[in-house]
Amino acid sequence: MASLPTDHGALMDSIYRGQRHIYDATRKYYLFGRDRLIAGLACPQGAHVLEIGCGTGRNLARIGKVWPGARLHGLDISAQMLASARAKLGASGRLALGDATSFDAAGLFERAGFDRVILSYALSMIPDWQGAMHRAAAALAPRGVLHVVDFGDLQGLPRPLRALLRAWLARFHVTPRTDLVEAATRIAARHALRLTATRGPLGYYRLIRLER
């Protein structure tokens, strides 16, 4: 029997084999808060930035423009998505295939810690999402910061629209993590990190900042 990471990688490849070509054009209409996260990274010159679940490389490319001194690293479990990311980033990013819950940063990137680690709309697609948050926190360098953006409780949306959005997301195996802040609070305590949580407009998204 295949392991869960292998199964999940195959599932993501099956979803995004075709979708990856239109992913960036379509997701800009409902993956809100990503650019707000990027604007708040405050990357010092030469900072090493790791995005876990980097997908097509859209966020890393944006980070490279907003914070031109940053050194870009990306991890994804989907080989299909990484193909798009490599085409987008070229030599400006270092990318690797791996599982968000168990990757070996030193082996993949020759670095034990990163100044900024990002999870952007990834936790809602990772089965062991709390395990992924723990691994992301463990990948922080001294004074590093973990930034998370993902779906919130959606309570500010009209009920029919909320139900329609949840049904649409479920088609892509996306599950909003309604207890994201509670989980982040536990992870902050375990890793001795300072937590800041921000609720996006209408509760559409949550921004989490965990600082070492």
Protein backbone atom coordinates (compact mmCIF):
# COMPACT_ATOMS: atom_id res chain seq x y z
CA MET A 1 0.00 0.00 0.00
CA ALA A 2 1.30 3.45 -0.86
CA SER A 3 2.13 5.82 1.99
CA LEU A 4 -0.09 8.82 2.67
CA PRO A 5 2.45 11.36 1.30
CA THR A 6 2.73 9.35 -1.91
CA ASP A 7 -1.05 9.11 -2.20
CA HIS A 8 -1.46 12.82 -1.53
CA GLY A 9 1.20 13.74 -4.06
CA ALA A 10 -0.52 11.61 -6.69
CA LEU A 11 -3.85 13.24 -5.84
CA MET A 12 -2.39 16.74 -6.18
CA ASP A 13 -0.80 15.81 -9.51
CA SER A 14 -4.13 14.49 -10.78
CA ILE A 15 -5.90 17.71 -9.79
CA TYR A 16 -3.30 20.11 -11.13
CA ARG A 17 -2.02 18.33 -14.23
CA GLY A 18 -4.35 20.50 -16.29
CA GLN A 19 -5.32 23.10 -13.70
CA ARG A 20 -1.77 24.34 -13.27
CA HIS A 21 -1.94 26.08 -16.63
CA ILE A 22 -4.85 28.30 -15.51
CA TYR A 23 -4.22 28.24 -11.76
CA ASP A 24 -2.83 31.75 -11.35
CA ALA A 25 -5.43 33.32 -13.63
CA THR A 26 -8.34 31.77 -11.73
CA ARG A 27 -7.16 31.74 -8.10
CA LYS A 28 -6.62 35.49 -7.97
CA TYR A 29 -10.41 35.79 -7.72
CA TYR A 30 -10.68 33.91 -4.42
CA LEU A 31 -7.27 33.41 -2.80
CA PHE A 32 -7.27 36.77 -1.06
CA GLY A 33 -4.69 37.99 1.44
CA ARG A 34 -1.64 36.60 -0.31
CA ASP A 35 -0.22 39.95 -1.36
CA ARG A 36 -0.98 41.37 2.09
CA LEU A 37 1.15 38.60 3.56
CA ILE A 38 3.96 39.29 1.08
CA ALA A 39 3.91 43.02 1.79
CA GLY A 40 4.36 42.28 5.49
CA LEU A 41 7.34 39.93 5.17
CA ALA A 42 9.87 42.70 5.91
CA CYS A 43 12.67 40.62 4.40
CA PRO A 44 16.15 41.86 5.23
CA GLN A 45 18.71 41.88 2.44
CA GLY A 46 19.79 38.34 1.65
CA ALA A 47 17.00 36.73 3.69
CA HIS A 48 16.32 33.09 2.89
CA VAL A 49 12.60 32.58 2.23
CA LEU A 50 10.95 29.16 2.06
CA GLU A 51 7.42 28.67 0.79
CA ILE A 52 5.95 25.30 1.75
CA GLY A 53 3.35 24.30 -0.82
CA CYS A 54 4.73 26.78 -3.34
CA GLY A 55 2.50 25.56 -6.18
CA THR A 56 3.11 27.41 -9.44
CA GLY A 57 5.68 29.73 -7.85
CA ARG A 58 3.34 32.72 -8.07
CA ASN A 59 4.06 33.91 -4.53
CA LEU A 60 7.81 33.36 -4.78
CA ALA A 61 7.95 35.37 -8.00
CA ARG A 62 6.01 38.16 -6.30
CA ILE A 63 8.34 38.05 -3.29
CA GLY A 64 11.30 38.37 -5.63
CA LYS A 65 9.82 41.61 -7.00
CA VAL A 66 8.71 43.13 -3.69
CA TRP A 67 11.83 42.02 -1.78
CA PRO A 68 14.54 41.82 -4.49
CA GLY A 69 17.28 40.86 -2.05
CA ALA A 70 15.49 37.70 -0.89
CA ARG A 71 16.79 34.24 -1.71
CA LEU A 72 13.87 32.08 -2.79
CA HIS A 73 13.20 28.44 -1.91
CA GLY A 74 10.07 26.42 -2.65
CA LEU A 75 8.74 23.02 -1.64
CA ASP A 76 5.73 21.19 -3.07
CA ILE A 77 4.40 17.64 -3.07
CA SER A 78 3.14 17.97 -6.66
CA ALA A 79 5.66 17.44 -9.44
CA GLN A 80 3.13 18.98 -11.83
CA MET A 81 2.99 22.24 -9.90
CA LEU A 82 6.76 22.35 -9.57
CA ALA A 83 7.05 22.14 -13.35
CA SER A 84 5.11 25.41 -13.56
CA ALA A 85 7.14 26.94 -10.73
CA ARG A 86 10.42 26.10 -12.44
CA ALA A 87 9.22 27.68 -15.67
CA LYS A 88 8.15 30.80 -13.81
CA LEU A 89 11.18 31.27 -11.55
CA GLY A 90 14.01 29.96 -13.71
CA ALA A 91 17.32 30.29 -11.89
CA SER A 92 15.94 32.78 -9.35
CA GLY A 93 14.51 30.08 -7.07
CA ARG A 94 15.60 26.76 -5.64
CA LEU A 95 12.76 24.24 -5.73
CA ALA A 96 12.31 20.74 -4.36
CA LEU A 97 9.74 17.96 -4.30
CA GLY A 98 8.78 17.03 -0.75
CA ASP A 99 6.14 16.47 1.88
CA ALA A 100 5.23 19.49 4.04
CA THR A 101 5.09 17.38 7.20
CA SER A 102 8.45 15.64 6.97
CA PHE A 103 10.84 17.37 4.58
CA ASP A 104 14.58 17.51 5.26
CA ALA A 105 15.54 21.16 4.78
CA ALA A 106 19.27 20.50 5.02
CA GLY A 107 19.10 17.68 2.49
CA LEU A 108 16.89 19.53 0.02
CA PHE A 109 18.18 23.08 0.34
CA GLU A 110 21.48 22.76 2.23
CA ARG A 111 19.99 24.96 4.96
CA ALA A 112 18.75 24.05 8.42
CA GLY A 113 16.80 27.27 8.97
CA PHE A 114 15.06 30.04 7.06
CA ASP A 115 14.47 33.71 7.87
CA ARG A 116 10.92 33.59 6.53
CA VAL A 117 8.71 30.53 6.05
CA ILE A 118 5.36 30.82 4.24
CA LEU A 119 2.25 28.67 4.10
CA SER A 120 -0.18 30.28 1.68
CA TYR A 121 -3.53 28.48 1.25
CA ALA A 122 -1.66 25.22 1.74
CA LEU A 123 -2.90 24.08 5.14
CA SER A 124 -6.44 23.73 3.85
CA MET A 125 -5.16 21.09 1.39
CA ILE A 126 -2.76 19.16 3.63
CA PRO A 127 -4.31 16.21 5.50
CA ASP A 128 -1.95 16.52 8.47
CA TRP A 129 -2.05 20.31 8.44
CA GLN A 130 -1.05 20.72 12.07
CA GLY A 131 1.97 18.50 11.43
CA ALA A 132 2.87 20.80 8.55
CA MET A 133 2.68 23.84 10.83
CA HIS A 134 4.94 22.16 13.38
CA ARG A 135 7.47 21.32 10.65
CA ALA A 136 7.32 24.89 9.30
CA ALA A 137 7.95 26.32 12.77
CA ALA A 138 10.89 23.95 13.23
CA ALA A 139 12.40 25.24 9.97
CA LEU A 140 12.77 28.79 11.29
CA ALA A 141 16.22 30.27 11.78
CA PRO A 142 16.92 32.40 14.87
CA ARG A 143 14.68 35.51 14.68
CA GLY A 144 12.83 33.84 11.80
CA VAL A 145 9.12 34.36 11.17
CA LEU A 146 6.46 31.92 9.95
CA HIS A 147 3.69 33.60 7.92
CA VAL A 148 0.42 31.79 7.21
CA VAL A 149 -2.58 32.86 5.15
CA ASP A 150 -5.56 30.59 4.64
CA PHE A 151 -9.33 30.53 4.63
CA GLY A 152 -11.05 31.87 7.74
CA ASP A 153 -14.47 31.06 9.18
CA LEU A 154 -16.23 32.90 6.30
CA GLN A 155 -18.86 34.06 8.79
CA GLY A 156 -19.10 37.53 7.24
CA LEU A 157 -20.39 36.07 3.96
CA PRO A 158 -24.11 35.52 3.36
CA ARG A 159 -25.03 31.95 4.24
CA PRO A 160 -25.89 30.86 0.65
CA LEU A 161 -22.60 32.27 -0.65
CA ARG A 162 -20.71 30.62 2.20
CA ALA A 163 -22.26 27.26 1.39
CA LEU A 164 -21.55 27.69 -2.32
CA LEU A 165 -17.90 28.55 -1.66
CA ARG A 166 -17.41 25.57 0.66
CA ALA A 167 -18.92 23.25 -1.94
CA TRP A 168 -16.67 24.70 -4.65
CA LEU A 169 -13.58 24.32 -2.49
CA ALA A 170 -14.46 20.72 -1.65
CA ARG A 171 -14.24 19.88 -5.36
CA PHE A 172 -10.50 20.60 -5.10
CA HIS A 173 -10.07 18.82 -1.76
CA VAL A 174 -9.84 22.12 0.12
CA THR A 175 -11.08 22.23 3.73
CA PRO A 176 -10.97 25.56 5.60
CA ARG A 177 -9.33 25.02 9.01
CA THR A 178 -11.76 26.73 11.37
CA ASP A 179 -9.51 26.02 14.36
CA LEU A 180 -6.40 27.51 12.72
CA VAL A 181 -5.82 30.13 15.43
CA GLU A 182 -6.21 27.59 18.23
CA ALA A 183 -3.71 25.27 16.55
CA ALA A 184 -1.30 28.16 15.97
CA THR A 185 -1.54 29.07 19.66
CA ARG A 186 -0.48 25.56 20.67
CA ILE A 187 2.37 25.55 18.14
CA ALA A 188 3.56 28.96 19.34
CA ALA A 189 3.75 27.64 22.90
CA ARG A 190 5.55 24.46 21.87
CA HIS A 191 8.18 26.28 19.80
CA ALA A 192 8.48 29.38 22.02
CA LEU A 193 7.19 31.69 19.28
CA ARG A 194 5.27 34.96 19.52
CA LEU A 195 1.84 34.74 17.85
CA THR A 196 -0.06 37.43 16.01
CA ALA A 197 -3.41 36.56 14.38
CA THR A 198 -5.35 38.86 12.05
CA ARG A 199 -8.86 38.31 10.71
CA GLY A 200 -9.37 39.34 7.09
CA PRO A 201 -12.47 41.20 5.88
CA LEU A 202 -15.70 39.22 6.42
CA GLY A 203 -13.65 36.46 8.00
CA TYR A 204 -12.68 35.33 4.50
CA TYR A 205 -9.07 34.66 5.42
CA ARG A 206 -6.77 34.51 8.43
CA LEU A 207 -3.24 35.81 8.66
CA ILE A 208 -1.02 34.12 11.24
CA ARG A 209 2.44 35.32 12.22
CA LEU A 210 4.68 33.18 14.43
CA GLU A 211 7.95 34.90 15.31
CA ARG A 212 11.00 33.34 16.93
